[in-house]
Amino acid sequence: MAGALAVAGSEAMREAALGFALAADPATGAAALAALAQAEAPVSGATVERLVRLRSWPSPARQGPIDAAIRAVRARSKPPLPAGRPEIRRLLASLCDGAGAQSLFALLRKGRRYILASVLLKSETGVADVVLQRDLRKADADGMVGTIVAEIKAVPVSLGFVERRLADALAGNVARDVPPPFGLLEVVEALGLGPLAPETHTPDALAETLLPELAPERTDAACLLAAHRASAAWPRRYATLASWFEGGEAVEALLRPLRTRRQRLEAVTIRLLPERRRFWAERCAWMAATLKEGAAPDGAWIEFALVARDLAGERPLSGMPLMAMIAAATVDNFARR
């Protein structure tokens, strides 16, 4: 099917073959790109631009067929037609849940109608899902955004944040050889982002980009200690932290042989969490970045950034209230199963 689309008589159908460039099966993507490269019909310059834009999104092993297609179609491409770009009305981000997921939302206006784009990011995948709801009336679009803010507690973010967050997620796609959904291309184009290359933002580096603008007395050892103490109250301030616990087969195997809560807490703290400190440092760092964008009035983003930086270091976890909370939540969740 992918190859048939690439050589179809309709230009729209030929360009639809691009959707297979990011197919989960490398052979499917390679077949579509090879057919597109070998077809004799001209293609629009927009197709070339799209190929160039998505070239870095798959893993390096998959980029060869894209490069070959770019060289072939560029020679027979037509100048791209001017295309109106939707107006960005709102950009939102959810807070980070304990499974490593975060969602980005963009409300766009095109003429008298609206588009709501939702992008799901997962730590174990990268960009995991993209949903575009098109041709919405203003009232419907506003209602959806209101629900997102009220129920998910999404906060306003900047275009720069969206770009940085997507670049980091794409690095996850590349590392795991899982291409992002093709719908991401439409979102990136609609937002008017430039070339979006995968780029990993480590938790310590991300925290360091957030903190330098603060006076030294707001990031010193006393402030770090205060941030750790404050972390014990984070679940009362942010409902999403109720999901901050460990789960899955590793937890089952670790805790099932143990009978007492004390034994289980000790096992999680000593045997599980040290291997997961980078994961939780990432959650704290992106919480800090998100809350800073949302202009949290209580300065909570500073607490998250300080704890993230410390988690990314070598301080013993035993002195961190957040990790004690995660350990307790892990044991409690296991006991309820």
C-alpha atoms as a PDB file:
ATOM      1  CA  MET A   1       0.000   0.000   0.000  1.00  0.00           C
ATOM      2  CA  ALA A   2       2.779   2.427   0.908  1.00  0.00           C
ATOM      3  CA  GLY A   3       4.517   1.922  -2.427  1.00  0.00           C
ATOM      4  CA  ALA A   4       1.236   2.225  -4.329  1.00  0.00           C
ATOM      5  CA  LEU A   5       0.505   5.588  -2.747  1.00  0.00           C
ATOM      6  CA  ALA A   6       3.951   6.872  -3.664  1.00  0.00           C
ATOM      7  CA  VAL A   7       3.382   6.232  -7.385  1.00  0.00           C
ATOM      8  CA  ALA A   8      -0.317   7.173  -7.484  1.00  0.00           C
ATOM      9  CA  GLY A   9      -1.552   9.574 -10.122  1.00  0.00           C
ATOM     10  CA  SER A  10      -2.882  12.009  -7.543  1.00  0.00           C
ATOM     11  CA  GLU A  11      -0.337  14.365  -6.027  1.00  0.00           C
ATOM     12  CA  ALA A  12      -2.249  14.317  -2.753  1.00  0.00           C
ATOM     13  CA  MET A  13      -2.036  10.530  -2.628  1.00  0.00           C
ATOM     14  CA  ARG A  14       1.665  10.580  -3.457  1.00  0.00           C
ATOM     15  CA  GLU A  15       2.303  12.972  -0.618  1.00  0.00           C
ATOM     16  CA  ALA A  16       0.217  10.771   1.679  1.00  0.00           C
ATOM     17  CA  ALA A  17       2.952   8.167   1.250  1.00  0.00           C
ATOM     18  CA  LEU A  18       5.065  10.372   3.509  1.00  0.00           C
ATOM     19  CA  GLY A  19       2.981   9.090   6.389  1.00  0.00           C
ATOM     20  CA  PHE A  20       4.721   5.743   6.030  1.00  0.00           C
ATOM     21  CA  ALA A  21       8.175   7.297   6.396  1.00  0.00           C
ATOM     22  CA  LEU A  22       7.713   7.064  10.165  1.00  0.00           C
ATOM     23  CA  ALA A  23       6.093   3.626  10.153  1.00  0.00           C
ATOM     24  CA  ALA A  24       6.927   1.350  13.068  1.00  0.00           C
ATOM     25  CA  ASP A  25       8.148  -1.286  10.603  1.00  0.00           C
ATOM     26  CA  PRO A  26      11.405  -0.067   8.982  1.00  0.00           C
ATOM     27  CA  ALA A  27      10.708  -2.116   5.849  1.00  0.00           C
ATOM     28  CA  THR A  28       7.377  -0.347   5.312  1.00  0.00           C
ATOM     29  CA  GLY A  29       8.978   3.069   5.613  1.00  0.00           C
ATOM     30  CA  ALA A  30      11.867   2.138   3.337  1.00  0.00           C
ATOM     31  CA  ALA A  31       9.471   0.787   0.684  1.00  0.00           C
ATOM     32  CA  ALA A  32       7.383   3.960   0.678  1.00  0.00           C
ATOM     33  CA  LEU A  33      10.443   6.190   0.463  1.00  0.00           C
ATOM     34  CA  ALA A  34      12.023   4.098  -2.296  1.00  0.00           C
ATOM     35  CA  ALA A  35       8.824   4.254  -4.339  1.00  0.00           C
ATOM     36  CA  LEU A  36       8.604   8.007  -3.807  1.00  0.00           C
ATOM     37  CA  ALA A  37      12.211   8.408  -4.935  1.00  0.00           C
ATOM     38  CA  GLN A  38      11.713   6.296  -8.062  1.00  0.00           C
ATOM     39  CA  ALA A  39       8.425   7.840  -9.186  1.00  0.00           C
ATOM     40  CA  GLU A  40       8.711  10.144 -12.187  1.00  0.00           C
ATOM     41  CA  ALA A  41       5.890  12.545 -11.364  1.00  0.00           C
ATOM     42  CA  PRO A  42       6.861  15.915  -9.902  1.00  0.00           C
ATOM     43  CA  VAL A  43       6.280  16.573  -6.229  1.00  0.00           C
ATOM     44  CA  SER A  44       5.643  19.795  -4.395  1.00  0.00           C
ATOM     45  CA  GLY A  45       8.428  21.657  -2.680  1.00  0.00           C
ATOM     46  CA  ALA A  46       6.438  21.213   0.514  1.00  0.00           C
ATOM     47  CA  THR A  47       7.071  17.473   0.302  1.00  0.00           C
ATOM     48  CA  VAL A  48      10.811  18.080   0.147  1.00  0.00           C
ATOM     49  CA  GLU A  49      10.586  20.424   3.126  1.00  0.00           C
ATOM     50  CA  ARG A  50       8.663  17.805   5.100  1.00  0.00           C
ATOM     51  CA  LEU A  51      11.193  15.106   4.324  1.00  0.00           C
ATOM     52  CA  VAL A  52      14.012  17.387   5.439  1.00  0.00           C
ATOM     53  CA  ARG A  53      12.131  18.300   8.614  1.00  0.00           C
ATOM     54  CA  LEU A  54      11.471  14.725   9.707  1.00  0.00           C
ATOM     55  CA  ARG A  55      14.839  13.321   8.619  1.00  0.00           C
ATOM     56  CA  SER A  56      16.368  13.339  12.106  1.00  0.00           C
ATOM     57  CA  TRP A  57      13.330  11.916  13.891  1.00  0.00           C
ATOM     58  CA  PRO A  58      13.922   8.190  13.208  1.00  0.00           C
ATOM     59  CA  SER A  59      17.053   6.440  14.426  1.00  0.00           C
ATOM     60  CA  PRO A  60      20.218   6.852  12.280  1.00  0.00           C
ATOM     61  CA  ALA A  61      19.733   3.344  10.867  1.00  0.00           C
ATOM     62  CA  ARG A  62      16.482   4.516   9.233  1.00  0.00           C
ATOM     63  CA  GLN A  63      17.753   7.804   7.834  1.00  0.00           C
ATOM     64  CA  GLY A  64      19.414   6.411   4.686  1.00  0.00           C
ATOM     65  CA  PRO A  65      16.151   5.890   2.734  1.00  0.00           C
ATOM     66  CA  ILE A  66      15.013   9.383   3.744  1.00  0.00           C
ATOM     67  CA  ASP A  67      18.258  10.913   2.466  1.00  0.00           C
ATOM     68  CA  ALA A  68      17.896   9.039  -0.835  1.00  0.00           C
ATOM     69  CA  ALA A  69      14.302  10.210  -1.207  1.00  0.00           C
ATOM     70  CA  ILE A  70      15.287  13.818  -0.507  1.00  0.00           C
ATOM     71  CA  ARG A  71      17.968  13.751  -3.208  1.00  0.00           C
ATOM     72  CA  ALA A  72      15.598  12.196  -5.735  1.00  0.00           C
ATOM     73  CA  VAL A  73      12.503  14.325  -5.188  1.00  0.00           C
ATOM     74  CA  ARG A  74      14.429  17.583  -4.831  1.00  0.00           C
ATOM     75  CA  ALA A  75      15.476  17.267  -8.475  1.00  0.00           C
ATOM     76  CA  ARG A  76      11.882  17.148  -9.681  1.00  0.00           C
ATOM     77  CA  SER A  77      10.139  19.268  -7.074  1.00  0.00           C
ATOM     78  CA  LYS A  78       7.926  22.249  -7.804  1.00  0.00           C
ATOM     79  CA  PRO A  79       8.113  25.467  -5.779  1.00  0.00           C
ATOM     80  CA  PRO A  80       5.897  25.185  -2.695  1.00  0.00           C
ATOM     81  CA  LEU A  81       2.641  27.088  -2.793  1.00  0.00           C
ATOM     82  CA  PRO A  82       2.163  29.780  -0.146  1.00  0.00           C
ATOM     83  CA  ALA A  83       0.320  28.268   2.785  1.00  0.00           C
ATOM     84  CA  GLY A  84      -1.388  30.201   5.533  1.00  0.00           C
ATOM     85  CA  ARG A  85      -0.265  29.225   9.008  1.00  0.00           C
ATOM     86  CA  PRO A  86      -2.823  28.863  11.796  1.00  0.00           C
ATOM     87  CA  GLU A  87      -2.775  31.430  14.574  1.00  0.00           C
ATOM     88  CA  ILE A  88      -1.562  30.108  17.915  1.00  0.00           C
ATOM     89  CA  ARG A  89      -4.146  30.984  20.541  1.00  0.00           C
ATOM     90  CA  ARG A  90      -3.030  28.945  23.551  1.00  0.00           C
ATOM     91  CA  LEU A  91      -0.242  26.562  24.514  1.00  0.00           C
ATOM     92  CA  LEU A  92      -0.611  24.368  27.592  1.00  0.00           C
ATOM     93  CA  ALA A  93       1.247  21.552  29.310  1.00  0.00           C
ATOM     94  CA  SER A  94       0.120  19.079  31.918  1.00  0.00           C
ATOM     95  CA  LEU A  95       2.238  18.395  34.953  1.00  0.00           C
ATOM     96  CA  CYS A  96       4.404  15.253  34.980  1.00  0.00           C
ATOM     97  CA  ASP A  97       2.834  12.063  36.260  1.00  0.00           C
ATOM     98  CA  GLY A  98       4.596   9.205  37.989  1.00  0.00           C
ATOM     99  CA  ALA A  99       4.600   7.013  34.888  1.00  0.00           C
ATOM    100  CA  GLY A 100       6.743   9.550  33.077  1.00  0.00           C
ATOM    101  CA  ALA A 101       3.969  11.015  30.920  1.00  0.00           C
ATOM    102  CA  GLN A 102       3.289  14.644  30.080  1.00  0.00           C
ATOM    103  CA  SER A 103       0.887  16.155  27.549  1.00  0.00           C
ATOM    104  CA  LEU A 104       1.230  19.282  25.439  1.00  0.00           C
ATOM    105  CA  PHE A 105      -1.790  21.096  24.012  1.00  0.00           C
ATOM    106  CA  ALA A 106      -2.015  23.730  21.286  1.00  0.00           C
ATOM    107  CA  LEU A 107      -5.162  25.645  20.381  1.00  0.00           C
ATOM    108  CA  LEU A 108      -4.866  27.026  16.862  1.00  0.00           C
ATOM    109  CA  ARG A 109      -7.178  29.224  14.844  1.00  0.00           C
ATOM    110  CA  LYS A 110      -7.516  28.753  11.105  1.00  0.00           C
ATOM    111  CA  GLY A 111      -9.975  31.157   9.574  1.00  0.00           C
ATOM    112  CA  ARG A 112     -13.161  30.978  11.611  1.00  0.00           C
ATOM    113  CA  ARG A 113     -12.496  27.471  12.862  1.00  0.00           C
ATOM    114  CA  TYR A 114     -10.147  26.013  15.460  1.00  0.00           C
ATOM    115  CA  ILE A 115      -7.758  23.085  15.780  1.00  0.00           C
ATOM    116  CA  LEU A 116      -6.857  21.460  19.084  1.00  0.00           C
ATOM    117  CA  ALA A 117      -3.620  19.483  18.980  1.00  0.00           C
ATOM    118  CA  SER A 118      -2.667  17.111  21.794  1.00  0.00           C
ATOM    119  CA  VAL A 119       0.774  15.511  22.015  1.00  0.00           C
ATOM    120  CA  LEU A 120       1.464  12.761  24.546  1.00  0.00           C
ATOM    121  CA  LEU A 121       5.056  12.327  25.715  1.00  0.00           C
ATOM    122  CA  LYS A 122       6.254   9.251  27.605  1.00  0.00           C
ATOM    123  CA  SER A 123       9.634   8.681  29.181  1.00  0.00           C
ATOM    124  CA  GLU A 124       9.873   5.108  27.885  1.00  0.00           C
ATOM    125  CA  THR A 125       8.975   6.068  24.309  1.00  0.00           C
ATOM    126  CA  GLY A 126       9.372   9.762  23.552  1.00  0.00           C
ATOM    127  CA  VAL A 127       6.585  11.292  21.475  1.00  0.00           C
ATOM    128  CA  ALA A 128       3.977   8.557  21.905  1.00  0.00           C
ATOM    129  CA  ASP A 129       0.744   9.911  20.429  1.00  0.00           C
ATOM    130  CA  VAL A 130      -0.624  12.902  18.553  1.00  0.00           C
ATOM    131  CA  VAL A 131      -4.310  13.789  18.230  1.00  0.00           C
ATOM    132  CA  LEU A 132      -5.598  16.662  16.100  1.00  0.00           C
ATOM    133  CA  GLN A 133      -9.221  17.737  16.407  1.00  0.00           C
ATOM    134  CA  ARG A 134     -10.019  19.936  13.439  1.00  0.00           C
ATOM    135  CA  ASP A 135     -12.817  22.203  12.276  1.00  0.00           C
ATOM    136  CA  LEU A 136     -13.945  23.106  15.783  1.00  0.00           C
ATOM    137  CA  ARG A 137     -16.285  25.956  16.567  1.00  0.00           C
ATOM    138  CA  LYS A 138     -14.953  28.546  18.998  1.00  0.00           C
ATOM    139  CA  ALA A 139     -17.367  27.537  21.735  1.00  0.00           C
ATOM    140  CA  ASP A 140     -16.397  23.878  21.421  1.00  0.00           C
ATOM    141  CA  ALA A 141     -12.684  24.665  21.362  1.00  0.00           C
ATOM    142  CA  ASP A 142     -12.950  26.934  24.395  1.00  0.00           C
ATOM    143  CA  GLY A 143     -14.921  24.253  26.230  1.00  0.00           C
ATOM    144  CA  MET A 144     -12.278  21.626  25.544  1.00  0.00           C
ATOM    145  CA  VAL A 145      -9.483  23.890  26.717  1.00  0.00           C
ATOM    146  CA  GLY A 146     -11.451  24.764  29.842  1.00  0.00           C
ATOM    147  CA  THR A 147     -11.840  21.073  30.625  1.00  0.00           C
ATOM    148  CA  ILE A 148      -8.114  20.474  30.101  1.00  0.00           C
ATOM    149  CA  VAL A 149      -7.218  23.275  32.498  1.00  0.00           C
ATOM    150  CA  ALA A 150      -9.785  22.279  35.117  1.00  0.00           C
ATOM    151  CA  GLU A 151      -9.346  18.509  35.090  1.00  0.00           C
ATOM    152  CA  ILE A 152      -5.721  18.002  34.058  1.00  0.00           C
ATOM    153  CA  LYS A 153      -4.469  21.181  35.750  1.00  0.00           C
ATOM    154  CA  ALA A 154      -2.573  22.139  32.608  1.00  0.00           C
ATOM    155  CA  VAL A 155      -0.624  25.386  32.789  1.00  0.00           C
ATOM    156  CA  PRO A 156       0.242  27.937  30.088  1.00  0.00           C
ATOM    157  CA  VAL A 157       3.646  27.506  28.471  1.00  0.00           C
ATOM    158  CA  SER A 158       5.694  29.283  25.826  1.00  0.00           C
ATOM    159  CA  LEU A 159       6.540  28.148  22.325  1.00  0.00           C
ATOM    160  CA  GLY A 160      10.154  27.827  23.432  1.00  0.00           C
ATOM    161  CA  PHE A 161       9.138  25.365  26.138  1.00  0.00           C
ATOM    162  CA  VAL A 162       7.148  23.292  23.641  1.00  0.00           C
ATOM    163  CA  GLU A 163      10.120  23.200  21.282  1.00  0.00           C
ATOM    164  CA  ARG A 164      12.543  22.139  24.022  1.00  0.00           C
ATOM    165  CA  ARG A 165      10.159  19.526  25.410  1.00  0.00           C
ATOM    166  CA  LEU A 166       9.537  18.004  21.988  1.00  0.00           C
ATOM    167  CA  ALA A 167      13.249  17.927  21.172  1.00  0.00           C
ATOM    168  CA  ASP A 168      13.927  16.032  24.399  1.00  0.00           C
ATOM    169  CA  ALA A 169      11.109  13.573  23.715  1.00  0.00           C
ATOM    170  CA  LEU A 170      12.336  12.995  20.160  1.00  0.00           C
ATOM    171  CA  ALA A 171      15.726  12.047  21.581  1.00  0.00           C
ATOM    172  CA  GLY A 172      13.868   9.280  23.401  1.00  0.00           C
ATOM    173  CA  ASN A 173      12.286   8.102  20.150  1.00  0.00           C
ATOM    174  CA  VAL A 174      15.698   7.931  18.488  1.00  0.00           C
ATOM    175  CA  ALA A 175      17.329   6.134  21.415  1.00  0.00           C
ATOM    176  CA  ARG A 176      14.610   3.474  21.453  1.00  0.00           C
ATOM    177  CA  ASP A 177      14.260   3.241  17.655  1.00  0.00           C
ATOM    178  CA  VAL A 178      10.558   4.100  17.883  1.00  0.00           C
ATOM    179  CA  PRO A 179       9.634   6.817  15.343  1.00  0.00           C
ATOM    180  CA  PRO A 180       7.131   9.439  16.514  1.00  0.00           C
ATOM    181  CA  PRO A 181       3.604   9.534  15.069  1.00  0.00           C
ATOM    182  CA  PHE A 182       3.431  11.243  11.690  1.00  0.00           C
ATOM    183  CA  GLY A 183       0.895  13.697  13.097  1.00  0.00           C
ATOM    184  CA  LEU A 184       3.750  15.398  14.924  1.00  0.00           C
ATOM    185  CA  LEU A 185       4.868  16.827  11.595  1.00  0.00           C
ATOM    186  CA  GLU A 186       1.582  18.677  11.161  1.00  0.00           C
ATOM    187  CA  VAL A 187       1.774  20.032  14.708  1.00  0.00           C
ATOM    188  CA  VAL A 188       5.342  21.271  14.246  1.00  0.00           C
ATOM    189  CA  GLU A 189       4.432  22.931  10.941  1.00  0.00           C
ATOM    190  CA  ALA A 190       1.331  24.564  12.410  1.00  0.00           C
ATOM    191  CA  LEU A 191       3.350  25.976  15.304  1.00  0.00           C
ATOM    192  CA  GLY A 192       5.917  27.402  12.898  1.00  0.00           C
ATOM    193  CA  LEU A 193       8.822  25.712  14.626  1.00  0.00           C
ATOM    194  CA  GLY A 194      12.153  25.619  12.872  1.00  0.00           C
ATOM    195  CA  PRO A 195      14.158  22.440  12.329  1.00  0.00           C
ATOM    196  CA  LEU A 196      13.378  20.304  15.353  1.00  0.00           C
ATOM    197  CA  ALA A 197      16.311  18.007  16.032  1.00  0.00           C
ATOM    198  CA  PRO A 198      16.281  15.476  18.865  1.00  0.00           C
ATOM    199  CA  GLU A 199      18.180  16.833  21.867  1.00  0.00           C
ATOM    200  CA  THR A 200      18.463  15.252  25.290  1.00  0.00           C
ATOM    201  CA  HIS A 201      18.101  17.572  28.277  1.00  0.00           C
ATOM    202  CA  THR A 202      19.567  15.811  31.298  1.00  0.00           C
ATOM    203  CA  PRO A 203      17.889  16.673  34.611  1.00  0.00           C
ATOM    204  CA  ASP A 204      20.961  18.359  36.057  1.00  0.00           C
ATOM    205  CA  ALA A 205      21.536  20.398  32.892  1.00  0.00           C
ATOM    206  CA  LEU A 206      17.865  21.367  32.724  1.00  0.00           C
ATOM    207  CA  ALA A 207      17.895  22.459  36.355  1.00  0.00           C
ATOM    208  CA  GLU A 208      21.033  24.503  35.747  1.00  0.00           C
ATOM    209  CA  THR A 209      19.353  26.364  32.882  1.00  0.00           C
ATOM    210  CA  LEU A 210      16.480  27.326  35.185  1.00  0.00           C
ATOM    211  CA  LEU A 211      18.387  28.453  38.271  1.00  0.00           C
ATOM    212  CA  PRO A 212      21.160  30.878  37.171  1.00  0.00           C
ATOM    213  CA  GLU A 213      18.869  33.898  37.021  1.00  0.00           C
ATOM    214  CA  LEU A 214      18.210  33.609  40.755  1.00  0.00           C
ATOM    215  CA  ALA A 215      20.247  35.328  43.434  1.00  0.00           C
ATOM    216  CA  PRO A 216      22.749  32.972  45.140  1.00  0.00           C
ATOM    217  CA  GLU A 217      20.893  33.192  48.432  1.00  0.00           C
ATOM    218  CA  ARG A 218      17.871  31.519  46.782  1.00  0.00           C
ATOM    219  CA  THR A 219      19.829  28.439  45.712  1.00  0.00           C
ATOM    220  CA  ASP A 220      22.313  27.937  48.554  1.00  0.00           C
ATOM    221  CA  ALA A 221      22.577  24.971  50.930  1.00  0.00           C
ATOM    222  CA  ALA A 222      19.906  26.355  53.250  1.00  0.00           C
ATOM    223  CA  CYS A 223      17.469  26.735  50.355  1.00  0.00           C
ATOM    224  CA  LEU A 224      18.257  23.210  49.175  1.00  0.00           C
ATOM    225  CA  LEU A 225      17.471  21.853  52.629  1.00  0.00           C
ATOM    226  CA  ALA A 226      14.229  23.860  52.688  1.00  0.00           C
ATOM    227  CA  ALA A 227      13.310  22.510  49.245  1.00  0.00           C
ATOM    228  CA  HIS A 228      13.790  18.934  50.421  1.00  0.00           C
ATOM    229  CA  ARG A 229      11.608  19.607  53.448  1.00  0.00           C
ATOM    230  CA  ALA A 230       8.950  21.245  51.284  1.00  0.00           C
ATOM    231  CA  SER A 231       8.876  18.234  48.952  1.00  0.00           C
ATOM    232  CA  ALA A 232       7.005  16.274  51.616  1.00  0.00           C
ATOM    233  CA  ALA A 233       4.040  18.609  51.047  1.00  0.00           C
ATOM    234  CA  TRP A 234       4.084  18.537  47.244  1.00  0.00           C
ATOM    235  CA  PRO A 235       1.340  15.882  46.965  1.00  0.00           C
ATOM    236  CA  ARG A 236      -1.038  18.190  48.839  1.00  0.00           C
ATOM    237  CA  ARG A 237      -0.307  21.012  46.394  1.00  0.00           C
ATOM    238  CA  TYR A 238      -0.225  19.029  43.151  1.00  0.00           C
ATOM    239  CA  ALA A 239      -2.703  16.187  42.672  1.00  0.00           C
ATOM    240  CA  THR A 240      -0.608  14.570  39.952  1.00  0.00           C
ATOM    241  CA  LEU A 241       1.984  13.615  42.566  1.00  0.00           C
ATOM    242  CA  ALA A 242      -0.460  11.001  43.844  1.00  0.00           C
ATOM    243  CA  SER A 243       0.804   8.984  40.871  1.00  0.00           C
ATOM    244  CA  TRP A 244       4.464   9.291  41.879  1.00  0.00           C
ATOM    245  CA  PHE A 245       5.291   5.716  42.827  1.00  0.00           C
ATOM    246  CA  GLU A 246       7.007   2.713  41.294  1.00  0.00           C
ATOM    247  CA  GLY A 247       5.076  -0.165  39.769  1.00  0.00           C
ATOM    248  CA  GLY A 248       5.353  -3.025  37.353  1.00  0.00           C
ATOM    249  CA  GLU A 249       6.970  -6.430  37.339  1.00  0.00           C
ATOM    250  CA  ALA A 250      10.163  -5.305  39.055  1.00  0.00           C
ATOM    251  CA  VAL A 251       8.196  -4.061  42.057  1.00  0.00           C
ATOM    252  CA  GLU A 252       6.095  -7.228  42.140  1.00  0.00           C
ATOM    253  CA  ALA A 253       9.189  -9.426  42.141  1.00  0.00           C
ATOM    254  CA  LEU A 254      10.892  -7.328  44.804  1.00  0.00           C
ATOM    255  CA  LEU A 255       8.032  -6.959  47.271  1.00  0.00           C
ATOM    256  CA  ARG A 256       5.979 -10.140  46.977  1.00  0.00           C
ATOM    257  CA  PRO A 257       8.391 -12.300  49.018  1.00  0.00           C
ATOM    258  CA  LEU A 258       8.428  -9.711  51.831  1.00  0.00           C
ATOM    259  CA  ARG A 259       5.755  -9.727  54.523  1.00  0.00           C
ATOM    260  CA  THR A 260       6.068  -6.558  56.553  1.00  0.00           C
ATOM    261  CA  ARG A 261       5.711  -2.948  55.524  1.00  0.00           C
ATOM    262  CA  ARG A 262       9.084  -2.165  57.071  1.00  0.00           C
ATOM    263  CA  GLN A 263      10.813  -4.828  54.973  1.00  0.00           C
ATOM    264  CA  ARG A 264       9.144  -3.543  51.836  1.00  0.00           C
ATOM    265  CA  LEU A 265      10.038   0.082  52.513  1.00  0.00           C
ATOM    266  CA  GLU A 266      13.636  -0.902  53.096  1.00  0.00           C
ATOM    267  CA  ALA A 267      13.749  -2.946  49.888  1.00  0.00           C
ATOM    268  CA  VAL A 268      12.322  -0.133  47.770  1.00  0.00           C
ATOM    269  CA  THR A 269      14.629   2.453  49.331  1.00  0.00           C
ATOM    270  CA  ILE A 270      17.834   0.432  49.145  1.00  0.00           C
ATOM    271  CA  ARG A 271      17.386  -1.869  46.153  1.00  0.00           C
ATOM    272  CA  LEU A 272      15.010  -0.128  43.758  1.00  0.00           C
ATOM    273  CA  LEU A 273      15.142   3.648  44.032  1.00  0.00           C
ATOM    274  CA  PRO A 274      18.920   4.089  43.630  1.00  0.00           C
ATOM    275  CA  GLU A 275      18.583   2.699  40.108  1.00  0.00           C
ATOM    276  CA  ARG A 276      15.651   5.015  39.427  1.00  0.00           C
ATOM    277  CA  ARG A 277      16.994   8.298  40.739  1.00  0.00           C
ATOM    278  CA  ARG A 278      17.637   9.677  37.238  1.00  0.00           C
ATOM    279  CA  PHE A 279      14.016   8.963  36.282  1.00  0.00           C
ATOM    280  CA  TRP A 280      12.743  10.879  39.299  1.00  0.00           C
ATOM    281  CA  ALA A 281      15.281  13.640  38.758  1.00  0.00           C
ATOM    282  CA  GLU A 282      13.837  14.044  35.255  1.00  0.00           C
ATOM    283  CA  ARG A 283      10.302  14.244  36.641  1.00  0.00           C
ATOM    284  CA  CYS A 284      11.355  16.959  39.083  1.00  0.00           C
ATOM    285  CA  ALA A 285      13.304  18.888  36.448  1.00  0.00           C
ATOM    286  CA  TRP A 286      10.431  18.961  33.963  1.00  0.00           C
ATOM    287  CA  MET A 287       7.995  19.822  36.757  1.00  0.00           C
ATOM    288  CA  ALA A 288      10.252  22.769  37.561  1.00  0.00           C
ATOM    289  CA  ALA A 289      10.389  23.878  33.932  1.00  0.00           C
ATOM    290  CA  THR A 290       6.616  23.514  33.525  1.00  0.00           C
ATOM    291  CA  LEU A 291       5.719  25.337  36.737  1.00  0.00           C
ATOM    292  CA  LYS A 292       8.130  28.134  35.916  1.00  0.00           C
ATOM    293  CA  GLU A 293       6.364  28.580  32.576  1.00  0.00           C
ATOM    294  CA  GLY A 294       3.040  28.633  34.378  1.00  0.00           C
ATOM    295  CA  ALA A 295       4.349  31.390  36.675  1.00  0.00           C
ATOM    296  CA  ALA A 296       3.574  29.463  39.857  1.00  0.00           C
ATOM    297  CA  PRO A 297       3.202  32.277  42.435  1.00  0.00           C
ATOM    298  CA  ASP A 298       4.716  30.340  45.341  1.00  0.00           C
ATOM    299  CA  GLY A 299       8.051  29.717  43.657  1.00  0.00           C
ATOM    300  CA  ALA A 300       7.504  25.964  43.795  1.00  0.00           C
ATOM    301  CA  TRP A 301       9.445  25.544  40.570  1.00  0.00           C
ATOM    302  CA  ILE A 302      12.600  26.539  42.450  1.00  0.00           C
ATOM    303  CA  GLU A 303      12.026  23.733  44.950  1.00  0.00           C
ATOM    304  CA  PHE A 304      11.572  21.208  42.160  1.00  0.00           C
ATOM    305  CA  ALA A 305      14.678  22.462  40.343  1.00  0.00           C
ATOM    306  CA  LEU A 306      16.844  22.265  43.466  1.00  0.00           C
ATOM    307  CA  VAL A 307      15.640  18.767  44.306  1.00  0.00           C
ATOM    308  CA  ALA A 308      16.117  17.684  40.674  1.00  0.00           C
ATOM    309  CA  ARG A 309      19.709  18.884  40.687  1.00  0.00           C
ATOM    310  CA  ASP A 310      20.384  17.105  43.960  1.00  0.00           C
ATOM    311  CA  LEU A 311      18.748  13.889  42.763  1.00  0.00           C
ATOM    312  CA  ALA A 312      20.922  13.962  39.665  1.00  0.00           C
ATOM    313  CA  GLY A 313      23.979  14.074  41.913  1.00  0.00           C
ATOM    314  CA  GLU A 314      25.262  11.606  44.474  1.00  0.00           C
ATOM    315  CA  ARG A 315      23.591  12.662  47.727  1.00  0.00           C
ATOM    316  CA  PRO A 316      22.254   9.608  49.623  1.00  0.00           C
ATOM    317  CA  LEU A 317      18.559   9.095  48.985  1.00  0.00           C
ATOM    318  CA  SER A 318      17.956   8.396  52.664  1.00  0.00           C
ATOM    319  CA  GLY A 319      18.006  12.117  53.386  1.00  0.00           C
ATOM    320  CA  MET A 320      15.431  13.050  50.767  1.00  0.00           C
ATOM    321  CA  PRO A 321      11.785  13.284  51.930  1.00  0.00           C
ATOM    322  CA  LEU A 322      10.560  13.027  48.332  1.00  0.00           C
ATOM    323  CA  MET A 323      12.147   9.621  47.887  1.00  0.00           C
ATOM    324  CA  ALA A 324      10.741   8.478  51.232  1.00  0.00           C
ATOM    325  CA  MET A 325       7.313   9.565  49.995  1.00  0.00           C
ATOM    326  CA  ILE A 326       7.772   7.675  46.706  1.00  0.00           C
ATOM    327  CA  ALA A 327       8.908   4.574  48.593  1.00  0.00           C
ATOM    328  CA  ALA A 328       5.856   4.718  50.873  1.00  0.00           C
ATOM    329  CA  ALA A 329       3.501   5.276  47.944  1.00  0.00           C
ATOM    330  CA  THR A 330       5.090   2.339  46.126  1.00  0.00           C
ATOM    331  CA  VAL A 331       4.548   0.002  49.072  1.00  0.00           C
ATOM    332  CA  ASP A 332       0.993   1.246  49.651  1.00  0.00           C
ATOM    333  CA  ASN A 333       0.075   0.824  45.995  1.00  0.00           C
ATOM    334  CA  PHE A 334       1.496  -2.703  46.009  1.00  0.00           C
ATOM    335  CA  ALA A 335      -0.476  -3.589  49.149  1.00  0.00           C
ATOM    336  CA  ARG A 336      -3.734  -2.466  47.518  1.00  0.00           C
ATOM    337  CA  ARG A 337      -3.296  -4.770  44.529  1.00  0.00           C
END
